C-alpha atoms as a PDB file:
ATOM      1  CA  MET A   1      41.815  78.817 -69.459  1.00  0.00           C
ATOM      2  CA  ILE A   2      41.382  78.009 -73.168  1.00  0.00           C
ATOM      3  CA  PRO A   3      37.529  78.736 -73.065  1.00  0.00           C
ATOM      4  CA  ILE A   4      37.969  81.886 -71.293  1.00  0.00           C
ATOM      5  CA  MET A   5      40.798  83.176 -73.503  1.00  0.00           C
ATOM      6  CA  ALA A   6      39.252  81.953 -76.729  1.00  0.00           C
ATOM      7  CA  THR A   7      35.840  83.536 -76.078  1.00  0.00           C
ATOM      8  CA  ARG A   8      37.454  86.803 -75.034  1.00  0.00           C
ATOM      9  CA  LEU A   9      39.588  86.690 -78.227  1.00  0.00           C
ATOM     10  CA  ILE A  10      36.489  86.224 -80.371  1.00  0.00           C
ATOM     11  CA  TYR A  11      34.666  89.045 -78.568  1.00  0.00           C
ATOM     12  CA  LEU A  12      37.421  91.488 -78.897  1.00  0.00           C
ATOM     13  CA  GLY A  13      38.548  90.472 -82.398  1.00  0.00           C
ATOM     14  CA  SER A  14      37.035  90.621 -85.908  1.00  0.00           C
ATOM     15  CA  GLY A  15      36.164  88.331 -88.768  1.00  0.00           C
ATOM     16  CA  GLU A  16      38.825  86.974 -91.106  1.00  0.00           C
ATOM     17  CA  GLY A  17      39.903  89.619 -93.391  1.00  0.00           C
ATOM     18  CA  ALA A  18      37.952  92.363 -91.618  1.00  0.00           C
ATOM     19  CA  ASP A  19      39.217  95.386 -89.576  1.00  0.00           C
ATOM     20  CA  SER A  20      38.501  95.301 -85.885  1.00  0.00           C
ATOM     21  CA  GLY A  21      38.283  99.029 -85.638  1.00  0.00           C
ATOM     22  CA  GLU A  22      35.764  99.213 -88.397  1.00  0.00           C
ATOM     23  CA  LEU A  23      33.838  96.352 -86.835  1.00  0.00           C
ATOM     24  CA  GLY A  24      33.679  98.348 -83.591  1.00  0.00           C
ATOM     25  CA  ARG A  25      32.252 101.379 -85.388  1.00  0.00           C
ATOM     26  CA  GLN A  26      29.598  99.219 -87.101  1.00  0.00           C
ATOM     27  CA  PHE A  27      28.584  97.835 -83.672  1.00  0.00           C
ATOM     28  CA  GLU A  28      28.287 101.128 -82.251  1.00  0.00           C
ATOM     29  CA  ARG A  29      26.388 102.412 -85.379  1.00  0.00           C
ATOM     30  CA  LEU A  30      23.749  99.775 -85.059  1.00  0.00           C
ATOM     31  CA  GLN A  31      23.442 100.309 -81.211  1.00  0.00           C
ATOM     32  CA  ILE A  32      24.482  96.684 -80.506  1.00  0.00           C
ATOM     33  CA  GLU A  33      24.977  95.707 -76.855  1.00  0.00           C
ATOM     34  CA  ARG A  34      26.744  92.332 -76.692  1.00  0.00           C
ATOM     35  CA  ASN A  35      28.645  89.826 -74.649  1.00  0.00           C
ATOM     36  CA  LEU A  36      30.218  86.538 -74.950  1.00  0.00           C
ATOM     37  CA  ASN A  37      31.428  84.428 -71.933  1.00  0.00           C
ATOM     38  CA  SER A  38      32.369  80.972 -71.133  1.00  0.00           C
ATOM     39  CA  ASP A  39      32.616  78.683 -68.115  1.00  0.00           C
ATOM     40  CA  ALA A  40      33.639  75.130 -67.484  1.00  0.00           C
ATOM     41  CA  VAL A  41      30.642  73.684 -69.483  1.00  0.00           C
ATOM     42  CA  SER A  42      29.295  76.113 -71.832  1.00  0.00           C
ATOM     43  CA  VAL A  43      29.587  79.299 -73.915  1.00  0.00           C
ATOM     44  CA  THR A  44      26.842  81.948 -73.444  1.00  0.00           C
ATOM     45  CA  GLY A  45      26.269  85.201 -75.165  1.00  0.00           C
ATOM     46  CA  SER A  46      23.700  87.806 -75.799  1.00  0.00           C
ATOM     47  CA  LEU A  47      22.688  90.555 -78.436  1.00  0.00           C
ATOM     48  CA  VAL A  48      20.502  93.553 -77.672  1.00  0.00           C
ATOM     49  CA  PHE A  49      19.751  96.024 -80.481  1.00  0.00           C
ATOM     50  CA  PRO A  50      16.938  97.972 -82.065  1.00  0.00           C
ATOM     51  CA  ALA A  51      14.580  95.721 -84.014  1.00  0.00           C
ATOM     52  CA  GLU A  52      14.906  97.721 -87.367  1.00  0.00           C
ATOM     53  CA  HIS A  53      18.569  96.564 -87.683  1.00  0.00           C
ATOM     54  CA  LEU A  54      17.744  92.786 -87.404  1.00  0.00           C
ATOM     55  CA  PHE A  55      19.347  91.468 -90.485  1.00  0.00           C
ATOM     56  CA  GLU A  56      22.254  93.950 -90.490  1.00  0.00           C
ATOM     57  CA  VAL A  57      23.079  92.690 -87.068  1.00  0.00           C
ATOM     58  CA  ALA A  58      22.842  89.040 -88.167  1.00  0.00           C
ATOM     59  CA  GLU A  59      25.212  89.647 -91.041  1.00  0.00           C
ATOM     60  CA  LEU A  60      27.758  91.699 -88.884  1.00  0.00           C
ATOM     61  CA  VAL A  61      27.808  89.243 -86.069  1.00  0.00           C
ATOM     62  CA  ASN A  62      28.106  86.156 -88.299  1.00  0.00           C
ATOM     63  CA  LYS A  63      31.417  87.471 -89.628  1.00  0.00           C
ATOM     64  CA  VAL A  64      32.859  87.148 -86.249  1.00  0.00           C
ATOM     65  CA  LEU A  65      31.186  83.948 -85.115  1.00  0.00           C
ATOM     66  CA  SER A  66      31.759  82.011 -88.282  1.00  0.00           C
ATOM     67  CA  GLY A  67      35.202  82.962 -89.132  1.00  0.00           C
ATOM     68  CA  PRO A  68      37.101  84.958 -86.275  1.00  0.00           C
ATOM     69  CA  ALA A  69      40.445  86.271 -87.245  1.00  0.00           C
ATOM     70  CA  PHE A  70      42.193  85.285 -83.875  1.00  0.00           C
ATOM     71  CA  GLU A  71      44.484  88.305 -84.300  1.00  0.00           C
ATOM     72  CA  PRO A  72      47.905  87.592 -82.673  1.00  0.00           C
ATOM     73  CA  GLU A  73      48.213  90.997 -81.092  1.00  0.00           C
ATOM     74  CA  ILE A  74      44.897  90.834 -79.428  1.00  0.00           C
ATOM     75  CA  LEU A  75      45.750  87.316 -78.121  1.00  0.00           C
ATOM     76  CA  ALA A  76      49.126  88.664 -76.808  1.00  0.00           C
ATOM     77  CA  ARG A  77      47.187  91.351 -74.757  1.00  0.00           C
ATOM     78  CA  ILE A  78      44.723  88.710 -73.499  1.00  0.00           C
ATOM     79  CA  LYS A  79      47.719  86.546 -72.396  1.00  0.00           C
ATOM     80  CA  THR A  80      49.410  89.427 -70.661  1.00  0.00           C
ATOM     81  CA  SER A  81      46.213  90.277 -68.749  1.00  0.00           C
ATOM     82  CA  ALA A  82      45.620  86.637 -67.791  1.00  0.00           C
ATOM     83  CA  ARG A  83      49.271  86.332 -66.501  1.00  0.00           C
ATOM     84  CA  SER A  84      48.816  89.625 -64.482  1.00  0.00           C
ATOM     85  CA  THR A  85      45.536  88.544 -63.057  1.00  0.00           C
ATOM     86  CA  THR A  86      46.630  85.131 -62.129  1.00  0.00           C
ATOM     87  CA  SER A  87      49.867  86.351 -60.440  1.00  0.00           C
ATOM     88  CA  ARG A  88      47.889  89.090 -58.558  1.00  0.00           C
ATOM     89  CA  ARG A  89      45.430  86.566 -57.310  1.00  0.00           C
ATOM     90  CA  ALA A  90      48.189  84.116 -56.214  1.00  0.00           C
ATOM     91  CA  ARG A  91      49.322  86.864 -53.675  1.00  0.00           C
ATOM     92  CA  GLN A  92      45.857  87.433 -52.200  1.00  0.00           C
ATOM     93  CA  PRO A  93      44.961  85.573 -49.022  1.00  0.00           C
ATOM     94  CA  GLU A  94      41.395  85.093 -50.165  1.00  0.00           C
ATOM     95  CA  ASP A  95      42.221  83.584 -53.479  1.00  0.00           C
ATOM     96  CA  VAL A  96      44.900  81.333 -52.149  1.00  0.00           C
ATOM     97  CA  ALA A  97      42.463  79.972 -49.501  1.00  0.00           C
ATOM     98  CA  TRP A  98      39.844  79.397 -52.184  1.00  0.00           C
ATOM     99  CA  GLY A  99      42.461  77.819 -54.411  1.00  0.00           C
ATOM    100  CA  ILE A 100      43.297  75.213 -51.661  1.00  0.00           C
ATOM    101  CA  ALA A 101      39.651  74.553 -51.009  1.00  0.00           C
ATOM    102  CA  ARG A 102      38.875  74.065 -54.635  1.00  0.00           C
ATOM    103  CA  SER A 103      41.963  71.699 -54.953  1.00  0.00           C
ATOM    104  CA  MET A 104      40.872  69.580 -52.109  1.00  0.00           C
ATOM    105  CA  ILE A 105      37.153  69.387 -53.186  1.00  0.00           C
ATOM    106  CA  LEU A 106      37.924  68.908 -57.056  1.00  0.00           C
ATOM    107  CA  ASP A 107      41.294  67.164 -57.075  1.00  0.00           C
ATOM    108  CA  ASN A 108      41.998  66.627 -60.697  1.00  0.00           C
ATOM    109  CA  ASN A 109      38.550  67.440 -61.978  1.00  0.00           C
ATOM    110  CA  PRO A 110      38.760  69.667 -65.084  1.00  0.00           C
ATOM    111  CA  MET A 111      36.330  72.107 -63.295  1.00  0.00           C
ATOM    112  CA  GLY A 112      38.958  72.915 -60.766  1.00  0.00           C
ATOM    113  CA  ARG A 113      41.610  73.806 -63.353  1.00  0.00           C
ATOM    114  CA  LEU A 114      39.370  76.561 -64.843  1.00  0.00           C
ATOM    115  CA  SER A 115      40.075  79.099 -62.279  1.00  0.00           C
ATOM    116  CA  SER A 116      43.468  77.718 -60.880  1.00  0.00           C
ATOM    117  CA  ILE A 117      46.086  80.215 -59.836  1.00  0.00           C
ATOM    118  CA  SER A 118      48.927  77.701 -59.736  1.00  0.00           C
ATOM    119  CA  SER A 119      52.342  78.059 -61.471  1.00  0.00           C
ATOM    120  CA  GLU A 120      51.160  75.463 -63.907  1.00  0.00           C
ATOM    121  CA  THR A 121      48.313  77.891 -64.994  1.00  0.00           C
ATOM    122  CA  LEU A 122      50.967  80.527 -65.778  1.00  0.00           C
ATOM    123  CA  ALA A 123      52.884  78.168 -68.014  1.00  0.00           C
ATOM    124  CA  PHE A 124      49.541  76.976 -69.594  1.00  0.00           C
ATOM    125  CA  ILE A 125      48.734  80.624 -70.416  1.00  0.00           C
ATOM    126  CA  ASP A 126      52.183  81.302 -71.978  1.00  0.00           C
ATOM    127  CA  GLY A 127      51.979  78.078 -74.109  1.00  0.00           C
ATOM    128  CA  ALA A 128      48.471  78.790 -75.435  1.00  0.00           C
ATOM    129  CA  THR A 129      48.433  79.300 -79.275  1.00  0.00           C
ATOM    130  CA  ARG A 130      46.124  80.576 -81.983  1.00  0.00           C
ATOM    131  CA  ASP A 131      45.651  76.973 -82.956  1.00  0.00           C
ATOM    132  CA  ASP A 132      44.218  76.171 -79.454  1.00  0.00           C
ATOM    133  CA  MET A 133      41.818  79.084 -79.914  1.00  0.00           C
ATOM    134  CA  ARG A 134      40.808  77.710 -83.332  1.00  0.00           C
ATOM    135  CA  GLU A 135      40.296  74.170 -82.115  1.00  0.00           C
ATOM    136  CA  PHE A 136      38.046  75.606 -79.193  1.00  0.00           C
ATOM    137  CA  HIS A 137      36.100  77.619 -81.699  1.00  0.00           C
ATOM    138  CA  GLU A 138      35.362  74.547 -83.950  1.00  0.00           C
ATOM    139  CA  ARG A 139      34.431  72.531 -81.078  1.00  0.00           C
ATOM    140  CA  ALA A 140      32.358  74.855 -78.917  1.00  0.00           C
ATOM    141  CA  LEU A 141      30.750  77.282 -81.284  1.00  0.00           C
ATOM    142  CA  ALA A 142      28.518  74.764 -83.104  1.00  0.00           C
ATOM    143  CA  ARG A 143      24.793  74.437 -83.653  1.00  0.00           C
ATOM    144  CA  ALA A 144      24.620  71.088 -81.844  1.00  0.00           C
ATOM    145  CA  GLY A 145      23.200  71.432 -78.326  1.00  0.00           C
ATOM    146  CA  ALA A 146      22.708  75.205 -78.676  1.00  0.00           C
ATOM    147  CA  SER A 147      19.753  76.879 -76.808  1.00  0.00           C
ATOM    148  CA  ILE A 148      18.617  80.067 -78.241  1.00  0.00           C
ATOM    149  CA  VAL A 149      15.967  82.514 -76.703  1.00  0.00           C
ATOM    150  CA  VAL A 150      14.685  85.495 -78.790  1.00  0.00           C
ATOM    151  CA  HIS A 151      12.460  88.225 -77.454  1.00  0.00           C
ATOM    152  CA  SER A 152      11.286  90.310 -80.397  1.00  0.00           C
ATOM    153  CA  PRO A 153       8.246  91.868 -82.066  1.00  0.00           C
ATOM    154  CA  PHE A 154       8.775  89.493 -85.150  1.00  0.00           C
ATOM    155  CA  SER A 155       7.081  86.352 -86.194  1.00  0.00           C
ATOM    156  CA  ALA A 156       8.651  82.976 -85.658  1.00  0.00           C
ATOM    157  CA  GLU A 157       9.329  82.780 -89.457  1.00  0.00           C
ATOM    158  CA  ARG A 158      11.168  86.129 -89.501  1.00  0.00           C
ATOM    159  CA  VAL A 159      13.222  85.167 -86.360  1.00  0.00           C
ATOM    160  CA  GLY A 160      14.192  81.830 -88.047  1.00  0.00           C
ATOM    161  CA  LEU A 161      15.445  83.671 -91.024  1.00  0.00           C
ATOM    162  CA  PHE A 162      17.536  85.997 -88.578  1.00  0.00           C
ATOM    163  CA  LEU A 163      19.010  82.860 -86.911  1.00  0.00           C
ATOM    164  CA  ASP A 164      19.872  81.167 -90.190  1.00  0.00           C
ATOM    165  CA  GLU A 165      21.824  84.172 -91.240  1.00  0.00           C
ATOM    166  CA  LEU A 166      23.294  84.686 -87.719  1.00  0.00           C
ATOM    167  CA  LEU A 167      24.613  81.098 -87.530  1.00  0.00           C
ATOM    168  CA  ASP A 168      25.457  80.612 -91.200  1.00  0.00           C
ATOM    169  CA  GLY A 169      28.818  78.916 -91.602  1.00  0.00           C
ATOM    170  CA  LEU A 170      29.041  77.466 -88.114  1.00  0.00           C
ATOM    171  CA  PRO A 171      29.307  73.752 -87.949  1.00  0.00           C
ATOM    172  CA  ASP A 172      26.528  71.393 -87.001  1.00  0.00           C
ATOM    173  CA  GLY A 173      28.827  69.872 -84.527  1.00  0.00           C
ATOM    174  CA  ALA A 174      28.200  67.066 -82.163  1.00  0.00           C
ATOM    175  CA  ALA A 175      27.161  66.613 -78.655  1.00  0.00           C
ATOM    176  CA  VAL A 176      30.046  67.423 -76.399  1.00  0.00           C
ATOM    177  CA  ASP A 177      31.124  64.518 -74.092  1.00  0.00           C
ATOM    178  CA  PHE A 178      31.945  66.435 -70.929  1.00  0.00           C
ATOM    179  CA  PRO A 179      34.265  64.720 -68.340  1.00  0.00           C
ATOM    180  CA  GLY A 180      32.457  63.253 -65.216  1.00  0.00           C
ATOM    181  CA  THR A 181      31.707  65.813 -62.549  1.00  0.00           C
ATOM    182  CA  ALA A 182      31.684  63.440 -59.639  1.00  0.00           C
ATOM    183  CA  THR A 183      34.051  64.411 -56.943  1.00  0.00           C
ATOM    184  CA  ASP A 184      35.018  62.777 -53.686  1.00  0.00           C
ATOM    185  CA  PHE A 185      34.515  65.516 -51.131  1.00  0.00           C
ATOM    186  CA  PRO A 186      36.834  65.193 -48.014  1.00  0.00           C
ATOM    187  CA  SER A 187      34.994  63.312 -45.313  1.00  0.00           C
ATOM    188  CA  GLY A 188      34.805  64.542 -41.703  1.00  0.00           C
ATOM    189  CA  ASN A 189      36.090  68.042 -40.918  1.00  0.00           C
ATOM    190  CA  THR A 190      39.241  68.947 -42.640  1.00  0.00           C
ATOM    191  CA  VAL A 191      41.206  72.009 -41.393  1.00  0.00           C
ATOM    192  CA  VAL A 192      44.077  73.523 -43.299  1.00  0.00           C
ATOM    193  CA  LEU A 193      46.269  76.314 -41.978  1.00  0.00           C
ATOM    194  CA  HIS A 194      48.049  77.637 -45.031  1.00  0.00           C
ATOM    195  CA  ASP A 195      50.135  80.594 -43.952  1.00  0.00           C
ATOM    196  CA  PRO A 196      50.288  81.465 -40.160  1.00  0.00           C
ATOM    197  CA  ASN A 197      52.136  84.804 -40.902  1.00  0.00           C
ATOM    198  CA  VAL A 198      49.583  86.273 -43.211  1.00  0.00           C
ATOM    199  CA  GLU A 199      48.725  89.940 -42.271  1.00  0.00           C
ATOM    200  CA  ARG A 200      45.062  89.452 -42.148  1.00  0.00           C
ATOM    201  CA  PRO A 201      43.677  85.926 -41.926  1.00  0.00           C
ATOM    202  CA  TYR A 202      40.958  84.763 -44.221  1.00  0.00           C
ATOM    203  CA  LEU A 203      38.697  81.852 -43.233  1.00  0.00           C
ATOM    204  CA  VAL A 204      36.904  79.541 -45.643  1.00  0.00           C
ATOM    205  CA  PHE A 205      34.100  77.026 -44.923  1.00  0.00           C
ATOM    206  CA  ALA A 206      33.053  74.824 -47.877  1.00  0.00           C
ATOM    207  CA  GLY A 207      30.704  71.961 -48.252  1.00  0.00           C
ATOM    208  CA  MET A 208      28.753  70.282 -51.088  1.00  0.00           C
ATOM    209  CA  LEU A 209      25.251  71.276 -52.053  1.00  0.00           C
ATOM    210  CA  PRO A 210      22.624  68.781 -53.516  1.00  0.00           C
ATOM    211  CA  PRO A 211      22.147  68.854 -57.211  1.00  0.00           C
ATOM    212  CA  ILE A 212      19.639  71.371 -58.655  1.00  0.00           C
ATOM    213  CA  SER A 213      16.175  69.858 -59.591  1.00  0.00           C
ATOM    214  CA  ARG A 214      13.949  71.218 -62.229  1.00  0.00           C
ATOM    215  CA  GLY A 215      11.562  73.778 -60.917  1.00  0.00           C
ATOM    216  CA  ARG A 216      13.455  74.442 -57.673  1.00  0.00           C
ATOM    217  CA  GLU A 217      16.440  76.373 -59.014  1.00  0.00           C
ATOM    218  CA  PHE A 218      15.852  79.390 -56.822  1.00  0.00           C
ATOM    219  CA  GLU A 219      15.454  77.769 -53.475  1.00  0.00           C
ATOM    220  CA  ASP A 220      19.213  77.973 -52.758  1.00  0.00           C
ATOM    221  CA  VAL A 221      19.289  81.532 -53.870  1.00  0.00           C
ATOM    222  CA  ILE A 222      16.428  82.617 -51.543  1.00  0.00           C
ATOM    223  CA  SER A 223      17.789  80.614 -48.576  1.00  0.00           C
ATOM    224  CA  LEU A 224      21.350  82.220 -48.994  1.00  0.00           C
ATOM    225  CA  LEU A 225      19.811  85.647 -49.126  1.00  0.00           C
ATOM    226  CA  LEU A 226      17.907  85.133 -46.018  1.00  0.00           C
ATOM    227  CA  PHE A 227      20.951  83.336 -44.498  1.00  0.00           C
ATOM    228  CA  ALA A 228      23.790  85.702 -45.320  1.00  0.00           C
ATOM    229  CA  GLN A 229      22.819  88.935 -47.074  1.00  0.00           C
ATOM    230  CA  GLY A 230      22.345  92.307 -45.235  1.00  0.00           C
ATOM    231  CA  GLY A 231      22.113  93.451 -41.657  1.00  0.00           C
ATOM    232  CA  ARG A 232      19.252  91.410 -40.612  1.00  0.00           C
ATOM    233  CA  SER A 233      20.494  88.089 -41.833  1.00  0.00           C
ATOM    234  CA  GLU A 234      21.136  85.023 -39.597  1.00  0.00           C
ATOM    235  CA  LEU A 235      24.913  85.089 -40.350  1.00  0.00           C
ATOM    236  CA  TYR A 236      25.077  88.856 -39.486  1.00  0.00           C
ATOM    237  CA  GLU A 237      23.131  88.388 -36.273  1.00  0.00           C
ATOM    238  CA  ALA A 238      25.324  85.416 -35.193  1.00  0.00           C
ATOM    239  CA  LEU A 239      28.594  87.395 -35.840  1.00  0.00           C
ATOM    240  CA  ARG A 240      27.718  90.931 -34.754  1.00  0.00           C
ATOM    241  CA  PRO A 241      25.089  91.188 -31.994  1.00  0.00           C
ATOM    242  CA  VAL A 242      25.673  87.635 -30.545  1.00  0.00           C
ATOM    243  CA  LEU A 243      29.451  87.298 -30.696  1.00  0.00           C
ATOM    244  CA  GLY A 244      30.352  90.872 -30.813  1.00  0.00           C
ATOM    245  CA  ALA A 245      32.693  90.379 -33.704  1.00  0.00           C
ATOM    246  CA  SER A 246      33.848  93.287 -35.844  1.00  0.00           C
ATOM    247  CA  TYR A 247      34.351  91.207 -39.068  1.00  0.00           C
ATOM    248  CA  GLU A 248      31.798  90.057 -41.566  1.00  0.00           C
ATOM    249  CA  PHE A 249      31.353  86.908 -43.579  1.00  0.00           C
ATOM    250  CA  ASN A 250      29.523  86.186 -46.884  1.00  0.00           C
ATOM    251  CA  ALA A 251      27.951  83.151 -48.126  1.00  0.00           C
ATOM    252  CA  ASN A 252      27.099  81.832 -51.825  1.00  0.00           C
ATOM    253  CA  ALA A 253      26.753  78.957 -53.904  1.00  0.00           C
ATOM    254  CA  LEU A 254      29.404  78.055 -56.531  1.00  0.00           C
ATOM    255  CA  SER A 255      27.405  76.184 -59.247  1.00  0.00           C
ATOM    256  CA  LEU A 256      29.879  74.597 -61.579  1.00  0.00           C
ATOM    257  CA  THR A 257      27.108  72.234 -63.094  1.00  0.00           C
ATOM    258  CA  LYS A 258      23.748  71.457 -61.927  1.00  0.00           C
ATOM    259  CA  ASP A 259      25.259  68.408 -60.122  1.00  0.00           C
ATOM    260  CA  LEU A 260      28.418  69.921 -58.906  1.00  0.00           C
ATOM    261  CA  ARG A 261      27.620  72.821 -56.518  1.00  0.00           C
ATOM    262  CA  ILE A 262      29.575  74.077 -53.399  1.00  0.00           C
ATOM    263  CA  LEU A 263      28.471  76.191 -50.459  1.00  0.00           C
ATOM    264  CA  GLN A 264      31.007  78.650 -49.588  1.00  0.00           C
ATOM    265  CA  ILE A 265      31.144  80.676 -46.384  1.00  0.00           C
ATOM    266  CA  ALA A 266      34.161  83.011 -46.040  1.00  0.00           C
ATOM    267  CA  GLY A 267      35.437  86.295 -44.790  1.00  0.00           C
ATOM    268  CA  PHE A 268      38.503  87.992 -43.270  1.00  0.00           C
ATOM    269  CA  LEU A 269      39.098  87.794 -39.509  1.00  0.00           C
ATOM    270  CA  ASP A 270      39.855  90.740 -37.141  1.00  0.00           C
ATOM    271  CA  THR A 271      42.364  89.420 -34.830  1.00  0.00           C
ATOM    272  CA  ASP A 272      43.002  92.609 -32.781  1.00  0.00           C
END
């Protein structure tokens, strides 16, 4: 949860000593569209803005990236929202079902804890501090290992100057040693009946997908579109015209890393 909370705090906050309201007005004046997100293994972000504001944008965004203020009031709002979302998800059959599936597949792997809805997660949210956010910032927002793509009308030299100003003050950092992603997927067919009294049952099928290989990243996406998307898909045809079922299932790939990928097929059942 720390990566998610910290990136949200950086995104919503301001630089040390700056006013977040004024910062927001500056972003609006410069017509900056931005985002900052994190997952189990990376932090990603983007900036879209008119080319004439190149160096103004670099200076403004650098204030946030290099020295975020980690405002306590914003962190408090983020924690309240995270608690509310986790508590709500813990009451939803589909989220509970996926929580069980992820726990069985990932066991104690850190990847599984990122989106956990357990009581331990609520306690972790409550205990998160500004120091935790600072530690994440110092470790994750560094130059080492960064991949940057720029689409602009400028020369490589001018873009280099822009990036130097944008990233000024960020630590060089070191390559992050991620925990191993290997997991022992349950062998055979494992069936779990979680709550027989739930008002509307939710069924989950999950299995491991092979690792992504370079140059073949979209094969699974195309296959899943053909298999499960729309009224002419194989999954739809099997459920509706063939079985006469009134419920629908969806399928997608949960890619936690290029090596750790899960095929998930799930949907609500109509038991009437």
